[in-house]
Amino acid sequence: MAQVLRNKNLATRFQIMVEIAANQPNVQQKDIARRIGITSQAVSEYMSKLEKDGWINSDGRSRYRITKEGVNWVLGALRELQQYSSLAEKALTNVVTWAAIAAIDLAKEQKISLVMKEGLLYATDFSGKGACGITAREAKKGEDVGITDIEDIVELEIGRVVILEVPDIQSGGSKHANLKKIQSEMDKVKLVGAIGVEAVIALRKLKIEPDYIYGVTPAAIEAMRSGLSFAIVCTSGETPLVLQRLAEENINYKVIDARIRRSSG
């Protein structure tokens, strides 16, 4: 097991070092304390020890940087964590049964290949490349089937998220939405979500009923990670919250202004 998982002191040092690296040189101890769940006093004590050990240095109040020695230690700990993660993943894969859809008629204990289609996992003829596994029972085409002894990683093309910003009611609502811009994106995505009544009505004017009107942003994140493209049509007032959530999840997105600007004259 990786040392940082065996030793609480090392685990805390590792977390603090990562936080410093992410925010240097302006590092606020209270922010680190909040993010990793310990007191500011504890963070201060750890940072004093890290500086004494030569893993970080300070050139003034709240200004810290990781030293070369500190970087080398963090990288070493990361390698250990990655190795242990791979070992854990392999161990779990060997005991867990995953559900897939039978793309063809399958026999019990048949070796198959696994592929993703439109966000769902399918078991098909063994191709000799990519992810594969063994069927837990026989299954007819279209049925769900358990897959064990999975090897390799299922190839997955990451989807895209596009945000189409429409006016809120104070700015004219759906009457001032650029329907042509919205329509041009609809053929490029698999799923559509609407945030705000104005967004729902703009889509309905195009004879499109949104797939989601609740939990839209989480749905978009899951869809993208499953290889599906997703359009979020939302009012301008909701856009900042959507962008913040996507940024927190490290999701790539594109924003399109689908508002018709009213003439100031």
Protein backbone atom coordinates (compact mmCIF):
# COMPACT_ATOMS: atom_id res chain seq x y z
CA MET A 1 0.00 0.00 0.00
CA ALA A 2 1.16 3.56 -0.69
CA GLN A 3 2.83 5.22 2.28
CA VAL A 4 0.46 8.21 2.22
CA LEU A 5 -2.43 5.80 2.78
CA ARG A 6 -0.76 4.06 5.71
CA ASN A 7 0.31 7.19 7.56
CA LYS A 8 -2.14 9.98 8.45
CA ASN A 9 0.70 12.46 8.93
CA LEU A 10 2.03 11.80 5.43
CA ALA A 11 -1.47 11.91 3.97
CA THR A 12 -2.03 15.37 5.46
CA ARG A 13 1.40 16.55 4.28
CA PHE A 14 0.55 15.31 0.78
CA GLN A 15 -2.78 17.18 0.72
CA ILE A 16 -1.21 20.40 1.97
CA MET A 17 1.62 20.17 -0.58
CA VAL A 18 -0.88 19.70 -3.41
CA GLU A 19 -2.89 22.71 -2.19
CA ILE A 20 0.25 24.86 -2.06
CA ALA A 21 1.26 23.76 -5.56
CA ALA A 22 -2.20 24.62 -6.88
CA ASN A 23 -2.30 28.08 -5.32
CA GLN A 24 1.32 29.27 -4.95
CA PRO A 25 2.62 31.78 -4.21
CA ASN A 26 -0.43 33.32 -2.53
CA VAL A 27 -1.47 30.59 -0.11
CA GLN A 28 -4.14 31.12 2.54
CA GLN A 29 -3.87 28.64 5.40
CA LYS A 30 -7.56 29.01 6.26
CA ASP A 31 -8.51 28.00 2.71
CA ILE A 32 -6.31 24.91 2.89
CA ALA A 33 -7.84 24.03 6.28
CA ARG A 34 -11.35 24.31 4.87
CA ARG A 35 -10.61 22.22 1.78
CA ILE A 36 -8.87 19.31 3.54
CA GLY A 37 -10.94 19.35 6.73
CA ILE A 38 -8.47 20.26 9.50
CA THR A 39 -7.96 23.37 11.65
CA SER A 40 -5.98 26.42 10.54
CA GLN A 41 -3.68 25.88 13.52
CA ALA A 42 -2.91 22.35 12.33
CA VAL A 43 -2.17 23.64 8.83
CA SER A 44 0.19 26.24 10.30
CA GLU A 45 2.06 23.56 12.27
CA TYR A 46 2.37 21.29 9.26
CA MET A 47 3.63 24.12 7.06
CA SER A 48 6.27 25.06 9.65
CA LYS A 49 7.53 21.45 9.58
CA LEU A 50 7.44 21.35 5.77
CA GLU A 51 9.50 24.54 5.62
CA LYS A 52 11.97 23.18 8.19
CA ASP A 53 12.32 19.97 6.15
CA GLY A 54 13.04 22.02 3.02
CA TRP A 55 9.93 20.92 1.11
CA ILE A 56 8.50 24.46 0.91
CA ASN A 57 9.91 27.93 1.34
CA SER A 58 8.42 31.30 2.15
CA ASP A 59 9.38 34.77 0.97
CA GLY A 60 6.83 36.67 3.02
CA ARG A 61 3.41 36.57 4.64
CA SER A 62 1.16 33.98 2.99
CA ARG A 63 3.65 33.51 0.15
CA TYR A 64 4.83 29.91 -0.17
CA ARG A 65 6.33 27.80 -2.91
CA ILE A 66 7.17 24.12 -3.14
CA THR A 67 10.89 23.41 -3.46
CA LYS A 68 12.46 20.94 -5.87
CA GLU A 69 12.75 18.44 -3.02
CA GLY A 70 9.07 18.92 -2.23
CA VAL A 71 8.04 18.41 -5.84
CA ASN A 72 10.05 15.19 -6.03
CA TRP A 73 8.37 13.86 -2.89
CA VAL A 74 4.87 14.67 -4.16
CA LEU A 75 5.61 13.02 -7.52
CA GLY A 76 6.92 9.93 -5.74
CA ALA A 77 3.77 9.75 -3.59
CA LEU A 78 1.63 10.17 -6.71
CA ARG A 79 3.38 7.27 -8.43
CA GLU A 80 2.73 5.07 -5.40
CA LEU A 81 -0.93 6.09 -5.37
CA GLN A 82 -1.29 5.40 -9.09
CA GLN A 83 0.27 1.96 -8.73
CA TYR A 84 -2.00 1.11 -5.81
CA SER A 85 -5.02 2.47 -7.71
CA SER A 86 -4.22 0.22 -10.66
CA LEU A 87 -3.85 -2.77 -8.34
CA ALA A 88 -7.18 -1.99 -6.63
CA GLU A 89 -8.96 -1.51 -9.96
CA LYS A 90 -7.66 -4.83 -11.24
CA ALA A 91 -8.67 -6.61 -8.05
CA LEU A 92 -12.18 -5.19 -8.10
CA THR A 93 -12.64 -5.87 -11.81
CA ASN A 94 -11.97 -9.53 -11.19
CA VAL A 95 -14.74 -9.86 -8.60
CA VAL A 96 -17.35 -7.39 -9.81
CA THR A 97 -20.00 -8.33 -12.33
CA TRP A 98 -20.86 -5.49 -14.71
CA ALA A 99 -24.15 -5.23 -16.58
CA ALA A 100 -24.14 -4.89 -20.36
CA ILE A 101 -26.62 -5.23 -23.20
CA ALA A 102 -26.21 -8.29 -25.42
CA ALA A 103 -25.58 -7.03 -28.96
CA ILE A 104 -25.90 -10.64 -30.19
CA ASP A 105 -27.10 -13.95 -28.74
CA LEU A 106 -24.54 -14.97 -26.11
CA ALA A 107 -23.67 -18.26 -24.44
CA LYS A 108 -22.61 -18.73 -20.81
CA GLU A 109 -18.89 -18.14 -20.18
CA GLN A 110 -18.41 -16.75 -23.68
CA LYS A 111 -15.52 -14.34 -24.19
CA ILE A 112 -16.83 -11.06 -25.56
CA SER A 113 -15.73 -7.53 -26.41
CA LEU A 114 -17.22 -4.50 -24.69
CA VAL A 115 -18.16 -1.32 -26.56
CA MET A 116 -20.05 1.85 -25.73
CA LYS A 117 -22.91 2.92 -27.99
CA GLU A 118 -24.98 6.01 -27.28
CA GLY A 119 -23.98 5.99 -23.62
CA LEU A 120 -24.73 2.28 -22.97
CA LEU A 121 -22.39 -0.69 -22.57
CA TYR A 122 -22.78 -3.53 -25.10
CA ALA A 123 -21.34 -7.05 -25.18
CA THR A 124 -20.55 -8.26 -28.68
CA ASP A 125 -18.33 -10.70 -30.62
CA PHE A 126 -14.79 -10.91 -29.27
CA SER A 127 -12.58 -8.79 -31.52
CA GLY A 128 -9.22 -9.42 -29.87
CA LYS A 129 -8.65 -5.76 -29.05
CA GLY A 130 -9.91 -3.28 -26.47
CA ALA A 131 -11.97 -4.17 -23.41
CA CYS A 132 -13.20 -7.74 -23.07
CA GLY A 133 -14.77 -10.06 -20.51
CA ILE A 134 -16.65 -13.29 -19.85
CA THR A 135 -20.43 -13.68 -19.79
CA ALA A 136 -21.89 -14.87 -16.48
CA ARG A 137 -24.86 -16.56 -18.20
CA GLU A 138 -26.44 -16.95 -21.61
CA ALA A 139 -28.47 -14.06 -23.01
CA LYS A 140 -30.54 -13.27 -26.06
CA LYS A 141 -29.83 -10.22 -28.21
CA GLY A 142 -31.17 -7.12 -26.46
CA GLU A 143 -31.19 -8.66 -22.96
CA ASP A 144 -29.06 -7.51 -20.04
CA VAL A 145 -26.17 -9.81 -19.21
CA GLY A 146 -23.54 -9.93 -16.45
CA ILE A 147 -19.89 -9.63 -17.47
CA THR A 148 -16.97 -10.76 -15.29
CA ASP A 149 -13.17 -10.89 -15.59
CA ILE A 150 -13.09 -7.59 -17.46
CA GLU A 151 -9.75 -6.67 -19.02
CA ASP A 152 -8.54 -3.38 -20.45
CA ILE A 153 -10.55 -0.15 -20.68
CA VAL A 154 -13.67 0.42 -22.76
CA GLU A 155 -12.86 2.90 -25.51
CA LEU A 156 -14.98 5.97 -25.05
CA GLU A 157 -15.17 9.14 -27.06
CA ILE A 158 -15.95 11.98 -24.67
CA GLY A 159 -19.08 13.93 -25.57
CA ARG A 160 -19.43 17.69 -25.73
CA VAL A 161 -21.52 20.17 -23.78
CA VAL A 162 -22.86 23.32 -25.42
CA ILE A 163 -24.68 26.05 -23.49
CA LEU A 164 -27.19 28.14 -25.45
CA GLU A 165 -27.98 31.31 -23.56
CA VAL A 166 -31.47 32.77 -24.10
CA PRO A 167 -32.95 36.01 -22.69
CA ASP A 168 -34.75 35.93 -19.37
CA ILE A 169 -38.28 37.34 -19.22
CA GLN A 170 -37.04 40.80 -18.22
CA SER A 171 -35.13 40.94 -21.51
CA GLY A 172 -37.96 39.68 -23.67
CA GLY A 173 -37.91 35.95 -22.96
CA SER A 174 -38.34 33.45 -25.78
CA LYS A 175 -39.57 36.19 -28.15
CA HIS A 176 -36.00 37.46 -28.26
CA ALA A 177 -34.30 34.07 -28.50
CA ASN A 178 -32.31 33.38 -31.65
CA LEU A 179 -34.15 30.25 -32.74
CA LYS A 180 -31.93 29.74 -35.78
CA LYS A 181 -28.84 29.48 -33.57
CA ILE A 182 -30.59 27.05 -31.26
CA GLN A 183 -31.82 24.90 -34.13
CA SER A 184 -28.34 24.77 -35.68
CA GLU A 185 -27.01 23.05 -32.55
CA MET A 186 -29.84 20.55 -32.10
CA ASP A 187 -28.62 18.19 -34.84
CA LYS A 188 -25.18 18.03 -33.20
CA VAL A 189 -26.31 16.71 -29.82
CA LYS A 190 -28.01 13.61 -28.46
CA LEU A 191 -29.74 15.14 -25.43
CA VAL A 192 -31.24 18.53 -24.61
CA GLY A 193 -31.94 20.13 -21.25
CA ALA A 194 -33.78 23.38 -20.51
CA ILE A 195 -33.28 25.61 -17.48
CA GLY A 196 -35.98 28.23 -17.10
CA VAL A 197 -39.46 28.58 -18.57
CA GLU A 198 -38.07 30.88 -21.26
CA ALA A 199 -35.72 28.12 -22.42
CA VAL A 200 -38.52 25.54 -22.49
CA ILE A 201 -40.73 27.78 -24.62
CA ALA A 202 -37.88 28.66 -27.00
CA LEU A 203 -37.37 24.94 -27.64
CA ARG A 204 -41.08 24.29 -28.03
CA LYS A 205 -41.22 26.98 -30.72
CA LEU A 206 -38.83 24.68 -32.60
CA LYS A 207 -41.12 21.70 -31.81
CA ILE A 208 -38.43 20.29 -29.49
CA GLU A 209 -39.38 18.92 -26.09
CA PRO A 210 -36.36 18.95 -23.71
CA ASP A 211 -35.19 15.61 -22.35
CA TYR A 212 -34.48 17.24 -18.98
CA ILE A 213 -35.97 20.20 -17.14
CA TYR A 214 -34.75 19.15 -13.67
CA GLY A 215 -31.20 18.20 -12.72
CA VAL A 216 -30.04 19.44 -16.11
CA THR A 217 -26.41 20.20 -15.32
CA PRO A 218 -25.67 16.89 -13.52
CA ALA A 219 -27.38 15.07 -16.41
CA ALA A 220 -25.15 16.91 -18.90
CA ILE A 221 -22.02 15.94 -16.95
CA GLU A 222 -22.99 12.25 -16.84
CA ALA A 223 -23.99 12.24 -20.50
CA MET A 224 -20.69 13.78 -21.59
CA ARG A 225 -18.71 11.25 -19.57
CA SER A 226 -20.70 8.47 -21.25
CA GLY A 227 -19.80 9.75 -24.71
CA LEU A 228 -23.02 11.66 -25.41
CA SER A 229 -23.24 15.29 -26.50
CA PHE A 230 -25.61 17.52 -24.56
CA ALA A 231 -27.12 20.96 -25.15
CA ILE A 232 -28.17 23.09 -22.21
CA VAL A 233 -30.59 25.87 -23.16
CA CYS A 234 -30.76 28.26 -20.26
CA THR A 235 -31.62 31.83 -19.38
CA SER A 236 -28.85 34.38 -19.03
CA GLY A 237 -29.42 34.57 -15.27
CA GLU A 238 -28.76 30.83 -14.86
CA THR A 239 -25.68 30.67 -17.07
CA PRO A 240 -23.09 31.60 -14.38
CA LEU A 241 -24.28 28.77 -12.09
CA VAL A 242 -24.13 26.26 -14.94
CA LEU A 243 -20.62 27.35 -15.91
CA GLN A 244 -19.45 27.19 -12.30
CA ARG A 245 -20.68 23.60 -11.89
CA LEU A 246 -19.10 22.50 -15.18
CA ALA A 247 -15.80 24.14 -14.21
CA GLU A 248 -15.84 22.35 -10.84
CA GLU A 249 -16.14 19.04 -12.69
CA ASN A 250 -13.43 19.98 -15.23
CA ILE A 251 -15.94 19.72 -18.07
CA ASN A 252 -15.10 21.33 -21.41
CA TYR A 253 -17.96 23.37 -22.77
CA LYS A 254 -18.91 25.91 -25.42
CA VAL A 255 -21.16 28.90 -24.77
CA ILE A 256 -23.32 30.29 -27.57
CA ASP A 257 -25.19 33.57 -27.15
CA ALA A 258 -28.67 32.77 -28.49
CA ARG A 259 -30.13 36.16 -27.61
CA ILE A 260 -31.41 38.70 -30.13
CA ARG A 261 -30.11 42.07 -29.04
CA ARG A 262 -32.77 44.75 -29.05
CA SER A 263 -31.87 48.00 -30.71
CA SER A 264 -31.09 50.80 -28.27
CA GLY A 265 -32.79 53.24 -30.61
